[in-house]
Amino acid sequence: DALRHGPQFVASGNYIGASIGYRLTGVAKWPAQIHDCKAAIRWLKANAKKYNIDPERIGVWGFSAGGQLASLLGTTGDVKELEGDCGSPEQSTRVACVVDFCGPSDMRTQPDQGRFKYLFGKTVEEAPEVAKAASPIVYVKKNTPPFLIVNGAKDTMVPLIQAERLYVAMKARFDIAGNTRAWNKYSVTNLFPADGQLRLTLTFQQNWAGRTDFFVDNLSAELVP
């Protein structure tokens, strides 16, 4: 399972792992979810000395809805409207890098599938500005941190175009900035075979294994095999 690589980072002694729990739609509507994630980042930074954390080297990783939230953490480190008031207001919520697994990048064009009303309290058509504010792609700018974007070519929940558009938006920003560094790595794997069953295939395993260096590259630490 690809998730084994998380503990591998922690076991190296060079990384600390933290799992963020956020309020789901049955408990609270948007933007409570991103408020909770940002509160967690602030808590980690506020307690950095206690747990021997480098507050400038925090990377985030999320899958699906978690990918959207991780991407928002990466693109909205200076957006006050999404900060919330859940504690440690003196801390920044900027992160050093993001791994986005199949996360919606633009909620305005993401297929609804009956879920948006649970998240926003309204449909996208009824609240387009709310959907826009929840879209990571809206906030891409020159100081956006490095992203690793992974999406399934046959993903029926989050279409591939969501990843492609986020990549294009970032590439355009960095090209404009004259930055030739490989800030954003882009990878497509077939997580959803023709029969529609979700599997972690050998192709996926190889794809992930070939990119475990992303956190190493961007957080300046070594991963023990």
Protein backbone atom coordinates (compact mmCIF):
# COMPACT_ATOMS: atom_id res chain seq x y z
CA ASP A 1 0.00 0.00 0.00
CA ALA A 2 1.32 3.43 -0.93
CA LEU A 3 0.31 4.79 2.48
CA ARG A 4 3.20 2.83 3.99
CA HIS A 5 5.52 5.57 2.80
CA GLY A 6 4.10 7.99 5.40
CA PRO A 7 5.36 5.92 8.35
CA GLN A 8 8.60 5.42 6.43
CA PHE A 9 9.22 9.15 6.51
CA VAL A 10 8.48 9.32 10.22
CA ALA A 11 10.59 6.24 10.97
CA SER A 12 13.58 7.93 9.35
CA GLY A 13 13.84 10.25 12.34
CA ASN A 14 13.93 13.26 10.05
CA TYR A 15 10.19 13.85 9.91
CA ILE A 16 7.26 14.24 12.28
CA GLY A 17 3.86 13.07 11.03
CA ALA A 18 0.53 14.62 12.04
CA SER A 19 -2.95 13.64 10.87
CA ILE A 20 -5.46 16.49 10.65
CA GLY A 21 -9.04 15.81 11.67
CA TYR A 22 -11.56 18.33 10.35
CA ARG A 23 -15.31 18.75 10.74
CA LEU A 24 -17.29 16.91 8.08
CA THR A 25 -20.41 18.22 6.35
CA GLY A 26 -22.72 16.44 8.78
CA VAL A 27 -21.31 18.60 11.56
CA ALA A 28 -20.45 21.92 9.92
CA LYS A 29 -20.73 23.63 6.55
CA TRP A 30 -17.94 25.30 4.58
CA PRO A 31 -15.56 26.99 5.42
CA ALA A 32 -15.27 25.08 8.72
CA GLN A 33 -13.18 22.39 6.98
CA ILE A 34 -10.38 24.69 5.83
CA HIS A 35 -10.58 26.62 9.12
CA ASP A 36 -9.83 23.39 10.98
CA CYS A 37 -6.91 22.52 8.70
CA LYS A 38 -5.40 25.95 9.11
CA ALA A 39 -5.87 25.75 12.88
CA ALA A 40 -3.90 22.50 12.84
CA ILE A 41 -1.02 24.12 10.94
CA ARG A 42 -0.98 27.02 13.38
CA TRP A 43 -0.99 24.58 16.32
CA LEU A 44 1.99 22.70 14.90
CA LYS A 45 3.90 25.95 14.48
CA ALA A 46 2.91 27.21 17.92
CA ASN A 47 4.21 23.96 19.43
CA ALA A 48 7.22 23.65 17.13
CA LYS A 49 9.79 23.97 19.90
CA LYS A 50 8.04 21.42 22.11
CA TYR A 51 7.96 18.76 19.38
CA ASN A 52 11.20 19.73 17.63
CA ILE A 53 9.42 20.83 14.43
CA ASP A 54 10.90 23.20 11.88
CA PRO A 55 7.90 25.52 11.27
CA GLU A 56 9.30 26.55 7.91
CA ARG A 57 9.42 22.97 6.62
CA ILE A 58 5.87 21.69 6.89
CA GLY A 59 4.54 19.72 3.93
CA VAL A 60 0.92 18.59 3.52
CA TRP A 61 -0.65 15.64 1.71
CA GLY A 62 -4.31 14.94 1.03
CA PHE A 63 -6.48 12.57 -1.00
CA SER A 64 -9.73 13.58 -2.75
CA ALA A 65 -11.48 16.10 -0.44
CA GLY A 66 -8.26 16.09 1.55
CA GLY A 67 -6.42 16.92 -1.67
CA GLN A 68 -8.58 20.00 -2.12
CA LEU A 69 -7.90 21.07 1.46
CA ALA A 70 -4.17 20.40 1.16
CA SER A 71 -4.11 22.42 -2.07
CA LEU A 72 -5.93 25.27 -0.37
CA LEU A 73 -3.35 25.20 2.42
CA GLY A 74 -0.71 25.59 -0.27
CA THR A 75 -2.39 28.43 -2.14
CA THR A 76 -4.05 30.45 0.66
CA GLY A 77 -1.32 30.98 3.24
CA ASP A 78 -2.03 34.70 3.17
CA VAL A 79 -5.82 34.72 2.63
CA LYS A 80 -7.34 36.07 5.85
CA GLU A 81 -10.89 35.17 4.88
CA LEU A 82 -10.07 31.46 5.12
CA GLU A 83 -8.04 31.54 8.34
CA GLY A 84 -10.85 31.15 10.87
CA ASP A 85 -10.42 31.85 14.59
CA CYS A 86 -9.63 28.42 16.03
CA GLY A 87 -6.46 29.36 17.90
CA SER A 88 -2.82 30.52 17.64
CA PRO A 89 -3.69 33.58 15.49
CA GLU A 90 -0.10 34.81 15.69
CA GLN A 91 1.08 31.87 13.55
CA SER A 92 1.19 31.77 9.75
CA THR A 93 -0.53 28.93 7.87
CA ARG A 94 1.96 28.92 5.02
CA VAL A 95 3.32 25.46 4.14
CA ALA A 96 6.47 24.44 2.31
CA CYS A 97 5.02 21.96 -0.20
CA VAL A 98 1.85 20.08 -1.14
CA VAL A 99 1.00 16.59 -2.41
CA ASP A 100 -2.44 16.69 -4.02
CA PHE A 101 -3.92 13.25 -4.71
CA CYS A 102 -7.09 13.54 -6.81
CA GLY A 103 -8.25 16.76 -5.18
CA PRO A 104 -10.75 19.08 -6.91
CA SER A 105 -8.97 22.28 -7.91
CA ASP A 106 -12.00 24.27 -9.10
CA MET A 107 -15.27 23.70 -7.27
CA ARG A 108 -17.11 25.73 -9.91
CA THR A 109 -16.45 23.10 -12.57
CA GLN A 110 -16.13 19.97 -10.41
CA PRO A 111 -19.11 17.62 -11.04
CA ASP A 112 -21.60 18.14 -8.21
CA GLN A 113 -22.79 14.52 -7.78
CA GLY A 114 -25.21 15.80 -5.15
CA ARG A 115 -22.50 16.66 -2.63
CA PHE A 116 -22.13 20.42 -2.83
CA LYS A 117 -25.34 21.23 -1.00
CA TYR A 118 -24.05 19.22 1.96
CA LEU A 119 -20.76 21.12 1.87
CA PHE A 120 -21.91 24.65 1.05
CA GLY A 121 -25.53 24.55 2.18
CA LYS A 122 -26.44 25.53 -1.39
CA THR A 123 -25.70 24.34 -4.91
CA VAL A 124 -22.87 25.89 -6.92
CA GLU A 125 -25.45 27.66 -9.07
CA GLU A 126 -27.01 29.19 -5.96
CA ALA A 127 -23.69 30.24 -4.43
CA PRO A 128 -21.05 30.65 -7.16
CA GLU A 129 -18.91 32.97 -5.03
CA VAL A 130 -18.72 30.40 -2.25
CA ALA A 131 -17.62 27.74 -4.75
CA LYS A 132 -15.02 30.13 -6.13
CA ALA A 133 -13.65 30.86 -2.65
CA ALA A 134 -13.28 27.10 -2.04
CA SER A 135 -11.25 26.57 -5.24
CA PRO A 136 -7.45 26.26 -4.86
CA ILE A 137 -6.88 27.31 -8.47
CA VAL A 138 -8.25 30.79 -7.74
CA TYR A 139 -5.39 31.61 -5.38
CA VAL A 140 -2.40 30.41 -7.42
CA LYS A 141 0.31 33.06 -7.45
CA LYS A 142 4.04 33.50 -7.78
CA ASN A 143 4.81 32.49 -4.20
CA THR A 144 2.71 29.30 -4.27
CA PRO A 145 4.87 26.47 -2.84
CA PRO A 146 5.91 23.34 -4.80
CA PHE A 147 3.09 20.93 -5.66
CA LEU A 148 3.05 17.27 -6.62
CA ILE A 149 -0.26 16.70 -8.44
CA VAL A 150 -1.54 13.16 -9.00
CA ASN A 151 -4.86 12.28 -10.61
CA GLY A 152 -6.35 9.18 -12.18
CA ALA A 153 -6.81 9.28 -15.94
CA LYS A 154 -10.17 7.49 -15.52
CA ASP A 155 -11.17 9.03 -12.22
CA THR A 156 -14.98 9.28 -12.26
CA MET A 157 -15.18 11.36 -9.07
CA VAL A 158 -12.59 14.06 -9.81
CA PRO A 159 -12.02 14.39 -13.57
CA LEU A 160 -8.48 14.58 -14.85
CA ILE A 161 -9.15 18.07 -16.19
CA GLN A 162 -9.17 19.33 -12.58
CA ALA A 163 -5.51 18.35 -12.20
CA GLU A 164 -4.57 19.54 -15.68
CA ARG A 165 -6.01 23.00 -15.16
CA LEU A 166 -4.30 23.42 -11.80
CA TYR A 167 -0.99 22.43 -13.36
CA VAL A 168 -1.47 24.84 -16.28
CA ALA A 169 -2.37 27.69 -13.91
CA MET A 170 0.75 27.09 -11.85
CA LYS A 171 3.02 26.71 -14.83
CA ALA A 172 1.75 29.98 -16.24
CA ARG A 173 2.43 31.78 -12.98
CA PHE A 174 5.96 30.49 -12.65
CA ASP A 175 6.75 31.13 -16.30
CA ILE A 176 5.62 34.71 -15.82
CA ALA A 177 7.89 34.95 -12.79
CA GLY A 178 10.81 33.76 -14.91
CA ASN A 179 11.37 30.81 -12.59
CA THR A 180 12.71 27.75 -14.42
CA ARG A 181 12.90 25.50 -11.37
CA ALA A 182 10.64 22.42 -11.46
CA TRP A 183 8.25 23.78 -8.86
CA ASN A 184 5.33 21.62 -9.88
CA LYS A 185 5.65 17.94 -10.74
CA TYR A 186 2.72 16.45 -12.57
CA SER A 187 1.82 12.80 -12.78
CA VAL A 188 -1.15 10.86 -14.12
CA THR A 189 -1.88 7.27 -13.18
CA ASN A 190 -4.83 5.04 -13.92
CA LEU A 191 -6.40 4.55 -10.51
CA PHE A 192 -9.79 3.74 -12.00
CA PRO A 193 -9.66 0.81 -14.47
CA ALA A 194 -12.33 0.28 -17.11
CA ASP A 195 -14.44 -1.82 -14.74
CA GLY A 196 -14.78 1.16 -12.43
CA GLN A 197 -13.29 -0.55 -9.38
CA LEU A 198 -10.82 1.46 -7.32
CA ARG A 199 -7.49 -0.35 -7.09
CA LEU A 200 -3.95 0.50 -6.12
CA THR A 201 -2.32 -1.14 -9.10
CA LEU A 202 1.30 -2.03 -9.69
CA THR A 203 1.46 0.98 -12.00
CA PHE A 204 0.34 3.18 -9.11
CA GLN A 205 2.83 1.59 -6.75
CA GLN A 206 5.67 2.25 -9.18
CA ASN A 207 4.45 5.78 -9.80
CA TRP A 208 4.40 6.59 -6.08
CA ALA A 209 7.69 4.86 -5.36
CA GLY A 210 9.36 6.97 -8.05
CA ARG A 211 8.23 10.19 -6.38
CA THR A 212 8.86 9.67 -2.69
CA ASP A 213 11.69 12.14 -3.14
CA PHE A 214 9.22 15.03 -3.40
CA PHE A 215 9.13 15.74 0.34
CA VAL A 216 12.86 15.08 0.54
CA ASP A 217 13.55 17.61 -2.22
CA ASN A 218 11.32 20.28 -0.75
CA LEU A 219 11.80 19.77 2.98
CA SER A 220 15.58 19.28 2.81
CA ALA A 221 15.86 16.01 4.69
CA GLU A 222 16.88 12.45 3.83
CA LEU A 223 14.55 9.47 3.62
CA VAL A 224 15.94 6.27 5.08
CA PRO A 225 15.20 3.24 2.77
